[in-house]
N, C-alpha and C. Protein backbone atom coordinates (compact mmCIF):
# COMPACT_ATOMS: atom_id res chain seq x y z
N MET A 1 98.73 140.62 106.09
CA MET A 1 98.27 139.25 106.23
C MET A 1 99.02 138.37 105.19
N LYS A 2 99.44 137.18 105.64
CA LYS A 2 100.08 136.25 104.81
C LYS A 2 99.18 135.73 103.70
N PRO A 3 99.77 135.61 102.44
CA PRO A 3 98.90 135.09 101.37
C PRO A 3 98.63 133.65 101.65
N ARG A 4 97.42 133.20 101.15
CA ARG A 4 97.06 131.81 101.24
C ARG A 4 97.15 131.18 99.89
N VAL A 5 98.11 130.27 99.75
CA VAL A 5 98.36 129.63 98.44
C VAL A 5 97.98 128.19 98.45
N GLY A 6 97.32 127.76 97.42
CA GLY A 6 96.96 126.39 97.25
C GLY A 6 98.02 125.69 96.35
N VAL A 7 98.30 124.45 96.61
CA VAL A 7 99.10 123.64 95.75
C VAL A 7 98.26 122.42 95.38
N LEU A 8 97.98 122.29 94.07
CA LEU A 8 97.18 121.15 93.64
C LEU A 8 97.89 119.84 94.06
N ALA A 9 97.15 119.02 94.80
CA ALA A 9 97.82 117.82 95.46
C ALA A 9 97.09 116.56 94.98
N LEU A 10 96.77 116.46 93.75
CA LEU A 10 96.15 115.24 93.24
C LEU A 10 97.17 114.26 92.80
N GLN A 11 98.28 114.74 92.32
CA GLN A 11 99.39 113.87 91.80
C GLN A 11 100.57 114.78 91.56
N GLY A 12 101.77 114.20 91.58
CA GLY A 12 102.94 114.96 91.17
C GLY A 12 103.71 115.50 92.38
N GLY A 13 104.62 116.49 92.08
CA GLY A 13 105.55 116.99 93.09
C GLY A 13 105.03 118.16 93.88
N PHE A 14 103.88 118.03 94.55
CA PHE A 14 103.31 119.21 95.25
C PHE A 14 103.96 119.47 96.59
N ALA A 15 104.56 118.50 97.26
CA ALA A 15 105.11 118.71 98.60
C ALA A 15 106.29 119.63 98.60
N ALA A 16 107.13 119.55 97.58
CA ALA A 16 108.30 120.47 97.53
C ALA A 16 107.87 121.92 97.34
N HIS A 17 106.85 122.10 96.53
CA HIS A 17 106.32 123.50 96.36
C HIS A 17 105.77 124.00 97.67
N ALA A 18 105.02 123.22 98.35
CA ALA A 18 104.40 123.59 99.66
C ALA A 18 105.49 123.96 100.62
N ASP A 19 106.56 123.23 100.65
CA ASP A 19 107.60 123.42 101.62
C ASP A 19 108.28 124.80 101.37
N ILE A 20 108.60 125.08 100.13
CA ILE A 20 109.24 126.33 99.75
C ILE A 20 108.33 127.50 100.13
N LEU A 21 107.09 127.43 99.78
CA LEU A 21 106.10 128.50 100.01
C LEU A 21 105.90 128.73 101.50
N GLN A 22 105.88 127.70 102.28
CA GLN A 22 105.80 127.82 103.74
C GLN A 22 107.00 128.53 104.31
N ARG A 23 108.20 128.10 103.81
CA ARG A 23 109.43 128.76 104.30
C ARG A 23 109.51 130.23 103.88
N LEU A 24 108.81 130.64 102.90
CA LEU A 24 108.73 132.02 102.46
C LEU A 24 107.64 132.79 103.21
N GLY A 25 106.89 132.10 104.09
CA GLY A 25 105.92 132.78 104.95
C GLY A 25 104.50 132.73 104.44
N ALA A 26 104.23 131.98 103.41
CA ALA A 26 102.85 131.83 102.90
C ALA A 26 102.12 130.74 103.76
N ARG A 27 100.77 130.92 103.81
CA ARG A 27 99.97 129.86 104.40
C ARG A 27 99.63 128.96 103.19
N VAL A 28 99.89 127.67 103.33
CA VAL A 28 99.74 126.80 102.21
C VAL A 28 98.71 125.67 102.53
N ASP A 29 97.83 125.52 101.51
CA ASP A 29 96.85 124.43 101.57
C ASP A 29 97.08 123.50 100.40
N GLU A 30 97.01 122.18 100.71
CA GLU A 30 97.03 121.15 99.66
C GLU A 30 95.59 121.03 99.11
N ILE A 31 95.43 121.22 97.83
CA ILE A 31 94.12 121.32 97.19
C ILE A 31 93.73 120.01 96.59
N ARG A 32 92.60 119.42 97.06
CA ARG A 32 92.10 118.20 96.56
C ARG A 32 90.58 118.25 96.35
N SER A 33 90.00 119.47 96.66
CA SER A 33 88.50 119.63 96.50
C SER A 33 88.18 121.06 96.16
N ALA A 34 86.98 121.24 95.58
CA ALA A 34 86.55 122.57 95.22
C ALA A 34 86.40 123.44 96.44
N GLU A 35 86.01 122.92 97.58
CA GLU A 35 85.89 123.66 98.81
C GLU A 35 87.30 124.29 99.23
N GLN A 36 88.33 123.46 99.14
CA GLN A 36 89.68 123.88 99.46
C GLN A 36 90.16 124.93 98.47
N LEU A 37 89.85 124.72 97.20
CA LEU A 37 90.23 125.69 96.13
C LEU A 37 89.62 127.05 96.43
N ALA A 38 88.34 127.09 96.86
CA ALA A 38 87.64 128.34 97.09
C ALA A 38 88.30 129.20 98.15
N ALA A 39 89.10 128.61 98.98
CA ALA A 39 89.63 129.32 100.19
C ALA A 39 91.00 129.95 99.92
N VAL A 40 91.65 129.72 98.74
CA VAL A 40 92.98 130.22 98.50
C VAL A 40 93.01 131.41 97.59
N ASP A 41 94.11 132.18 97.77
CA ASP A 41 94.32 133.45 96.93
C ASP A 41 95.01 133.18 95.62
N ALA A 42 95.82 132.09 95.59
CA ALA A 42 96.60 131.80 94.37
C ALA A 42 96.85 130.26 94.43
N LEU A 43 97.38 129.78 93.27
CA LEU A 43 97.52 128.38 93.16
C LEU A 43 98.81 127.96 92.45
N VAL A 44 99.39 126.85 92.81
CA VAL A 44 100.50 126.21 92.08
C VAL A 44 100.01 124.91 91.49
N LEU A 45 100.26 124.77 90.23
CA LEU A 45 100.02 123.48 89.50
C LEU A 45 101.38 122.82 89.33
N PRO A 46 101.70 121.81 90.09
CA PRO A 46 103.01 121.21 90.07
C PRO A 46 103.33 120.34 88.87
N GLY A 47 104.59 119.88 88.87
CA GLY A 47 104.99 118.88 87.89
C GLY A 47 104.38 117.56 88.24
N GLY A 48 104.38 116.63 87.35
CA GLY A 48 103.85 115.29 87.53
C GLY A 48 103.58 114.72 86.11
N GLU A 49 102.53 114.06 85.99
CA GLU A 49 102.14 113.50 84.62
C GLU A 49 100.90 114.23 84.17
N SER A 50 101.05 114.98 83.15
CA SER A 50 99.95 115.89 82.71
C SER A 50 98.63 115.19 82.34
N THR A 51 98.73 114.06 81.68
CA THR A 51 97.50 113.40 81.32
C THR A 51 96.78 112.78 82.52
N THR A 52 97.57 112.32 83.50
CA THR A 52 96.97 111.83 84.76
C THR A 52 96.37 112.97 85.53
N MET A 53 97.11 114.07 85.64
CA MET A 53 96.55 115.24 86.33
C MET A 53 95.28 115.69 85.71
N SER A 54 95.25 115.75 84.39
CA SER A 54 94.01 116.13 83.67
C SER A 54 92.83 115.24 84.02
N MET A 55 93.09 113.97 84.03
CA MET A 55 91.96 113.00 84.36
C MET A 55 91.49 113.14 85.83
N LEU A 56 92.50 113.40 86.71
CA LEU A 56 92.17 113.52 88.13
C LEU A 56 91.48 114.81 88.40
N LEU A 57 91.76 115.86 87.67
CA LEU A 57 91.01 117.11 87.81
C LEU A 57 89.52 116.88 87.49
N GLU A 58 89.30 116.06 86.45
CA GLU A 58 87.91 115.82 86.05
C GLU A 58 87.25 114.86 87.12
N SER A 59 87.87 113.79 87.42
CA SER A 59 87.23 112.87 88.33
C SER A 59 87.04 113.37 89.75
N SER A 60 87.85 114.32 90.20
CA SER A 60 87.71 114.92 91.51
C SER A 60 86.71 116.05 91.56
N GLY A 61 86.17 116.47 90.38
CA GLY A 61 85.25 117.56 90.40
C GLY A 61 85.92 118.93 90.48
N LEU A 62 87.22 119.00 90.29
CA LEU A 62 87.94 120.19 90.39
C LEU A 62 88.05 120.95 89.07
N LEU A 63 87.89 120.29 87.97
CA LEU A 63 88.14 120.93 86.68
C LEU A 63 87.36 122.15 86.46
N GLU A 64 86.02 122.14 86.66
CA GLU A 64 85.13 123.28 86.42
C GLU A 64 85.46 124.43 87.41
N PRO A 65 85.46 124.19 88.74
CA PRO A 65 85.81 125.31 89.62
C PRO A 65 87.25 125.86 89.41
N LEU A 66 88.15 124.99 89.08
CA LEU A 66 89.54 125.47 88.78
C LEU A 66 89.53 126.37 87.56
N THR A 67 88.96 125.92 86.54
CA THR A 67 88.83 126.73 85.32
C THR A 67 88.16 128.09 85.57
N GLU A 68 87.07 128.08 86.36
CA GLU A 68 86.36 129.32 86.69
C GLU A 68 87.29 130.26 87.45
N ARG A 69 87.96 129.81 88.52
CA ARG A 69 88.88 130.63 89.34
C ARG A 69 89.92 131.22 88.51
N LEU A 70 90.55 130.40 87.63
CA LEU A 70 91.66 130.85 86.81
C LEU A 70 91.19 131.87 85.77
N ASN A 71 90.02 131.62 85.14
CA ASN A 71 89.52 132.56 84.21
C ASN A 71 89.12 133.89 84.85
N ASP A 72 88.87 133.89 86.15
CA ASP A 72 88.54 135.08 86.93
C ASP A 72 89.82 135.85 87.34
N GLY A 73 90.98 135.30 87.02
CA GLY A 73 92.24 135.97 87.22
C GLY A 73 93.08 135.55 88.45
N MET A 74 92.74 134.43 89.06
CA MET A 74 93.52 133.99 90.17
C MET A 74 94.94 133.72 89.70
N ALA A 75 95.92 134.16 90.51
CA ALA A 75 97.32 133.97 90.14
C ALA A 75 97.66 132.49 90.18
N VAL A 76 98.47 132.04 89.21
CA VAL A 76 98.79 130.61 89.14
C VAL A 76 100.22 130.44 88.63
N LEU A 77 100.94 129.53 89.24
CA LEU A 77 102.25 129.17 88.80
C LEU A 77 102.15 127.69 88.37
N GLY A 78 102.50 127.37 87.13
CA GLY A 78 102.43 126.01 86.60
C GLY A 78 103.80 125.62 86.23
N THR A 79 104.27 124.48 86.79
CA THR A 79 105.60 123.95 86.52
C THR A 79 105.49 122.64 85.86
N CYS A 80 106.24 122.45 84.73
CA CYS A 80 106.33 121.20 83.95
C CYS A 80 104.94 120.72 83.56
N ALA A 81 104.37 119.75 84.23
CA ALA A 81 102.97 119.32 83.86
C ALA A 81 102.00 120.43 84.02
N GLY A 82 102.23 121.30 85.02
CA GLY A 82 101.36 122.47 85.23
C GLY A 82 101.38 123.36 84.06
N MET A 83 102.59 123.56 83.43
CA MET A 83 102.67 124.37 82.23
C MET A 83 101.85 123.75 81.12
N ILE A 84 101.85 122.44 81.01
CA ILE A 84 101.11 121.73 79.92
C ILE A 84 99.60 121.93 80.17
N LEU A 85 99.16 121.84 81.40
CA LEU A 85 97.73 122.06 81.70
C LEU A 85 97.23 123.49 81.35
N LEU A 86 98.16 124.50 81.55
CA LEU A 86 97.73 125.87 81.44
C LEU A 86 97.86 126.45 79.97
N ALA A 87 98.60 125.63 79.13
CA ALA A 87 98.86 126.05 77.79
C ALA A 87 97.62 126.16 76.88
N ALA A 88 97.73 126.92 75.85
CA ALA A 88 96.64 127.04 74.86
C ALA A 88 96.57 125.83 73.93
N GLU A 89 97.77 125.18 73.70
CA GLU A 89 97.82 124.06 72.77
C GLU A 89 98.94 123.12 73.29
N VAL A 90 98.69 121.77 73.15
CA VAL A 90 99.68 120.79 73.49
C VAL A 90 99.91 119.85 72.29
N ILE A 91 101.18 119.77 71.92
CA ILE A 91 101.59 118.82 70.90
C ILE A 91 101.98 117.54 71.51
N ASP A 92 101.56 116.44 70.92
CA ASP A 92 101.90 115.13 71.46
C ASP A 92 101.06 114.81 72.70
N GLY A 93 100.01 115.48 72.94
CA GLY A 93 99.10 115.15 74.04
C GLY A 93 98.10 114.17 73.64
N ARG A 94 97.33 113.69 74.61
CA ARG A 94 96.25 112.74 74.34
C ARG A 94 95.00 113.52 73.94
N ALA A 95 94.16 112.85 73.18
CA ALA A 95 92.94 113.50 72.69
C ALA A 95 92.02 113.93 73.81
N ASP A 96 92.03 113.16 74.94
CA ASP A 96 91.14 113.47 76.08
C ASP A 96 91.85 114.29 77.15
N GLN A 97 92.98 114.82 76.86
CA GLN A 97 93.73 115.62 77.83
C GLN A 97 93.20 117.08 77.78
N HIS A 98 92.96 117.61 79.00
CA HIS A 98 92.46 118.95 79.11
C HIS A 98 93.58 120.00 78.89
N CYS A 99 93.25 121.00 78.15
CA CYS A 99 94.13 122.18 77.94
C CYS A 99 93.33 123.40 78.41
N LEU A 100 93.80 124.07 79.46
CA LEU A 100 92.95 125.11 80.04
C LEU A 100 93.07 126.42 79.25
N GLY A 101 94.09 126.56 78.40
CA GLY A 101 94.19 127.71 77.48
C GLY A 101 94.28 129.06 78.14
N LEU A 102 95.05 129.09 79.30
CA LEU A 102 95.18 130.32 80.03
C LEU A 102 96.39 131.14 79.71
N ILE A 103 97.37 130.52 78.95
CA ILE A 103 98.50 131.31 78.50
C ILE A 103 98.73 130.90 77.02
N ASP A 104 98.96 131.90 76.18
CA ASP A 104 99.05 131.72 74.75
C ASP A 104 100.37 131.09 74.33
N ILE A 105 100.58 129.80 74.68
CA ILE A 105 101.71 129.12 74.25
C ILE A 105 101.37 127.73 73.72
N THR A 106 102.22 127.24 72.85
CA THR A 106 102.05 125.88 72.36
C THR A 106 103.22 125.10 72.96
N VAL A 107 102.94 124.00 73.65
CA VAL A 107 103.97 123.21 74.27
C VAL A 107 103.99 121.82 73.65
N ARG A 108 105.19 121.22 73.66
CA ARG A 108 105.40 119.84 73.28
C ARG A 108 105.75 119.02 74.56
N ARG A 109 104.95 117.99 74.82
CA ARG A 109 105.20 117.14 75.97
C ARG A 109 106.60 116.44 75.74
N ASN A 110 107.31 116.28 76.85
CA ASN A 110 108.60 115.56 76.83
C ASN A 110 109.52 116.03 75.70
N ALA A 111 109.56 117.38 75.52
CA ALA A 111 110.35 117.88 74.39
C ALA A 111 111.88 117.71 74.68
N TYR A 112 112.22 117.57 75.96
CA TYR A 112 113.65 117.45 76.28
C TYR A 112 114.08 115.94 76.44
N GLY A 113 113.20 115.02 76.14
CA GLY A 113 113.50 113.63 76.22
C GLY A 113 112.87 112.89 77.32
N SER A 114 113.22 111.64 77.48
CA SER A 114 112.68 110.79 78.51
C SER A 114 113.27 111.07 79.86
N GLN A 115 112.89 110.28 80.87
CA GLN A 115 113.37 110.45 82.24
C GLN A 115 114.91 110.37 82.29
N ILE A 116 115.47 109.46 81.49
CA ILE A 116 116.97 109.31 81.55
C ILE A 116 117.66 110.52 80.99
N ALA A 117 116.97 111.35 80.23
CA ALA A 117 117.60 112.53 79.63
C ALA A 117 117.44 113.77 80.51
N SER A 118 116.96 113.61 81.74
CA SER A 118 116.76 114.76 82.63
C SER A 118 118.13 115.39 82.94
N PHE A 119 118.10 116.70 83.20
CA PHE A 119 119.32 117.40 83.45
C PHE A 119 119.08 118.70 84.23
N GLU A 120 120.17 119.28 84.73
CA GLU A 120 120.06 120.59 85.42
C GLU A 120 121.07 121.51 84.74
N THR A 121 120.60 122.75 84.57
CA THR A 121 121.47 123.75 83.93
C THR A 121 121.13 125.16 84.52
N ASP A 122 122.03 126.03 84.44
CA ASP A 122 121.75 127.41 84.86
C ASP A 122 121.11 128.18 83.72
N VAL A 123 120.04 128.90 84.03
CA VAL A 123 119.40 129.77 83.04
C VAL A 123 119.35 131.23 83.57
N ALA A 124 119.51 132.13 82.71
CA ALA A 124 119.43 133.55 83.07
C ALA A 124 117.93 133.93 83.03
N VAL A 125 117.48 134.46 84.16
CA VAL A 125 116.04 134.87 84.31
C VAL A 125 115.97 136.36 84.40
N ASP A 126 115.15 136.96 83.58
CA ASP A 126 114.96 138.39 83.59
C ASP A 126 114.64 138.87 85.01
N GLY A 127 115.37 139.85 85.45
CA GLY A 127 115.10 140.42 86.78
C GLY A 127 115.87 139.77 87.94
N LEU A 128 116.57 138.70 87.70
CA LEU A 128 117.35 138.04 88.70
C LEU A 128 118.82 138.31 88.46
N ASP A 129 119.61 138.65 89.47
CA ASP A 129 121.00 139.00 89.32
C ASP A 129 121.89 137.82 88.99
N GLU A 130 121.49 136.71 89.56
CA GLU A 130 122.34 135.49 89.38
C GLU A 130 121.50 134.47 88.57
N PRO A 131 122.21 133.57 87.83
CA PRO A 131 121.50 132.51 87.09
C PRO A 131 120.68 131.64 88.07
N PHE A 132 119.73 130.96 87.51
CA PHE A 132 118.82 130.09 88.31
C PHE A 132 119.10 128.65 87.88
N ALA A 133 119.33 127.71 88.85
CA ALA A 133 119.57 126.31 88.55
C ALA A 133 118.21 125.68 88.19
N ALA A 134 118.01 125.39 86.91
CA ALA A 134 116.80 124.82 86.36
C ALA A 134 116.90 123.34 86.25
N VAL A 135 115.98 122.61 86.83
CA VAL A 135 115.98 121.15 86.78
C VAL A 135 114.92 120.68 85.77
N PHE A 136 115.37 120.06 84.70
CA PHE A 136 114.47 119.60 83.64
C PHE A 136 114.28 118.12 83.76
N ILE A 137 113.02 117.66 83.98
CA ILE A 137 112.72 116.22 84.06
C ILE A 137 111.54 115.90 83.17
N ARG A 138 111.83 115.23 82.02
CA ARG A 138 110.81 114.95 81.05
C ARG A 138 110.01 116.22 80.71
N ALA A 139 110.75 117.28 80.58
CA ALA A 139 110.18 118.64 80.49
C ALA A 139 109.49 118.96 79.18
N PRO A 140 108.38 119.75 79.26
CA PRO A 140 107.78 120.25 78.06
C PRO A 140 108.62 121.33 77.48
N GLY A 141 108.49 121.51 76.12
CA GLY A 141 109.19 122.61 75.46
C GLY A 141 108.22 123.57 74.82
N VAL A 142 108.42 124.84 74.94
CA VAL A 142 107.57 125.88 74.31
C VAL A 142 107.93 125.99 72.88
N GLU A 143 107.00 125.64 72.00
CA GLU A 143 107.18 125.67 70.55
C GLU A 143 106.82 127.07 69.97
N ARG A 144 105.84 127.70 70.70
CA ARG A 144 105.33 129.02 70.21
C ARG A 144 104.89 129.81 71.45
N ALA A 145 105.25 131.08 71.47
CA ALA A 145 104.76 131.95 72.51
C ALA A 145 104.03 133.15 71.80
N GLY A 146 102.81 133.41 72.20
CA GLY A 146 102.03 134.50 71.60
C GLY A 146 102.58 135.84 71.91
N PRO A 147 102.06 136.85 71.20
CA PRO A 147 102.62 138.20 71.39
C PRO A 147 102.42 138.84 72.77
N GLU A 148 101.49 138.35 73.53
CA GLU A 148 101.19 138.86 74.90
C GLU A 148 101.98 138.18 75.95
N VAL A 149 102.71 137.15 75.53
CA VAL A 149 103.50 136.35 76.51
C VAL A 149 104.88 136.95 76.72
N GLU A 150 105.27 137.16 77.97
CA GLU A 150 106.54 137.66 78.36
C GLU A 150 107.45 136.45 78.61
N VAL A 151 108.43 136.27 77.75
CA VAL A 151 109.43 135.21 77.94
C VAL A 151 110.49 135.73 78.93
N GLN A 152 110.60 135.05 80.09
CA GLN A 152 111.48 135.55 81.15
C GLN A 152 112.78 134.77 81.17
N ALA A 153 112.85 133.58 80.56
CA ALA A 153 114.05 132.80 80.59
C ALA A 153 114.00 131.83 79.35
N ARG A 154 115.21 131.53 78.84
CA ARG A 154 115.34 130.64 77.74
C ARG A 154 116.45 129.61 77.99
N HIS A 155 116.32 128.44 77.33
CA HIS A 155 117.43 127.50 77.32
C HIS A 155 117.59 127.02 75.86
N ASP A 156 118.77 127.20 75.32
CA ASP A 156 119.04 126.93 73.89
C ASP A 156 118.00 127.67 73.01
N ARG A 157 117.75 128.89 73.26
CA ARG A 157 116.85 129.80 72.58
C ARG A 157 115.39 129.47 72.68
N ARG A 158 115.02 128.37 73.41
CA ARG A 158 113.61 128.01 73.64
C ARG A 158 113.10 128.62 74.92
N PRO A 159 111.88 129.23 74.92
CA PRO A 159 111.36 129.74 76.12
C PRO A 159 111.17 128.67 77.16
N VAL A 160 111.54 128.91 78.46
CA VAL A 160 111.39 127.96 79.52
C VAL A 160 110.71 128.55 80.74
N LEU A 161 110.53 129.91 80.77
CA LEU A 161 109.85 130.54 81.84
C LEU A 161 109.05 131.66 81.15
N CYS A 162 107.71 131.64 81.25
CA CYS A 162 106.88 132.64 80.64
C CYS A 162 105.82 133.14 81.57
N ARG A 163 105.35 134.36 81.22
CA ARG A 163 104.30 134.95 82.05
C ARG A 163 103.35 135.73 81.16
N SER A 164 102.08 135.63 81.46
CA SER A 164 101.07 136.45 80.81
C SER A 164 99.97 136.75 81.85
N GLY A 165 99.83 138.02 82.22
CA GLY A 165 98.86 138.42 83.19
C GLY A 165 99.17 137.72 84.55
N SER A 166 98.20 136.95 85.05
CA SER A 166 98.31 136.32 86.34
C SER A 166 98.88 134.90 86.23
N VAL A 167 99.30 134.52 85.03
CA VAL A 167 99.76 133.16 84.82
C VAL A 167 101.25 133.11 84.57
N THR A 168 101.94 132.31 85.36
CA THR A 168 103.42 132.08 85.16
C THR A 168 103.64 130.61 85.00
N VAL A 169 104.41 130.22 83.98
CA VAL A 169 104.74 128.84 83.68
C VAL A 169 106.19 128.60 83.45
N ALA A 170 106.66 127.44 83.92
CA ALA A 170 108.02 127.03 83.78
C ALA A 170 108.15 125.55 83.24
N SER A 171 109.02 125.37 82.27
CA SER A 171 109.28 124.03 81.76
C SER A 171 109.98 123.13 82.81
N PHE A 172 110.66 123.81 83.70
CA PHE A 172 111.53 123.13 84.64
C PHE A 172 110.85 123.13 86.02
N HIS A 173 111.58 122.53 87.02
CA HIS A 173 111.07 122.39 88.39
C HIS A 173 111.85 123.34 89.35
N PRO A 174 111.36 124.55 89.55
CA PRO A 174 112.04 125.46 90.49
C PRO A 174 112.03 124.96 91.91
N GLU A 175 111.05 124.12 92.27
CA GLU A 175 110.95 123.60 93.63
C GLU A 175 112.04 122.62 93.95
N LEU A 176 112.78 122.14 92.97
CA LEU A 176 113.87 121.16 93.19
C LEU A 176 115.25 121.80 93.24
N SER A 177 115.31 123.09 92.98
CA SER A 177 116.61 123.76 92.83
C SER A 177 117.25 124.16 94.15
N GLY A 178 116.40 124.27 95.26
CA GLY A 178 116.88 124.81 96.45
C GLY A 178 116.96 126.37 96.45
N ASP A 179 116.50 126.97 95.38
CA ASP A 179 116.54 128.40 95.27
C ASP A 179 115.09 128.91 95.30
N PRO A 180 114.76 129.72 96.30
CA PRO A 180 113.32 130.15 96.43
C PRO A 180 112.97 131.41 95.63
N ARG A 181 113.86 131.95 94.79
CA ARG A 181 113.61 133.19 94.14
C ARG A 181 112.35 133.24 93.22
N LEU A 182 112.10 132.18 92.48
CA LEU A 182 110.97 132.20 91.64
C LEU A 182 109.64 132.06 92.41
N HIS A 183 109.70 131.32 93.48
CA HIS A 183 108.48 131.24 94.34
C HIS A 183 108.22 132.58 95.05
N GLN A 184 109.32 133.25 95.48
CA GLN A 184 109.19 134.57 96.04
C GLN A 184 108.59 135.53 95.08
N ARG A 185 109.10 135.48 93.83
CA ARG A 185 108.58 136.40 92.81
C ARG A 185 107.03 136.09 92.55
N PHE A 186 106.64 134.81 92.63
CA PHE A 186 105.20 134.42 92.47
C PHE A 186 104.42 135.03 93.61
N LEU A 187 104.91 134.93 94.86
CA LEU A 187 104.17 135.44 95.95
C LEU A 187 104.01 136.98 95.92
N GLU A 188 104.97 137.66 95.26
CA GLU A 188 104.87 139.09 95.18
C GLU A 188 104.02 139.58 94.00
N SER A 189 103.53 138.59 93.21
CA SER A 189 102.80 138.95 92.00
C SER A 189 101.27 139.12 92.21
N PHE A 190 100.79 138.83 93.47
CA PHE A 190 99.34 138.97 93.65
C PHE A 190 99.09 139.61 95.01
């Protein structure tokens, strides 16, 4: 049976994730309610604006059920803003910004600079034969990775792709690369 994957669709770049996952054979639901969240096997938290996403999770009533599902071990892929939401600690975040604490990393918002400083570069990813074209847009930077965190890729010695248990996070936007390998790896993880 095809996995059923949700993509949080409150704000940000959710459509590109949904497209890649569908092309890989997954059933994809755009998640905007607790009822929709309850029906999926795994979840993608896309890039976007992390403080806005945090506020929308609260106002939509999704924060509590999302936290519960993730704490119960639902597989999740968080990219850019999704990484910020899943981190244990956020530097330069707002005081009212939610931090779900599902992966033992400390991230700095916009560590790679403003929108104008966005860039694309190849990164070597553990387990992939060829480099991955990583697209960094106002990307967060991992300042600290805990001992249980597996760093799967780095850029300039800084972790940019990490995994711990059922949680995978990326500083960059794999959905914009045209390369489905990281999404395929995510689908194979649950």
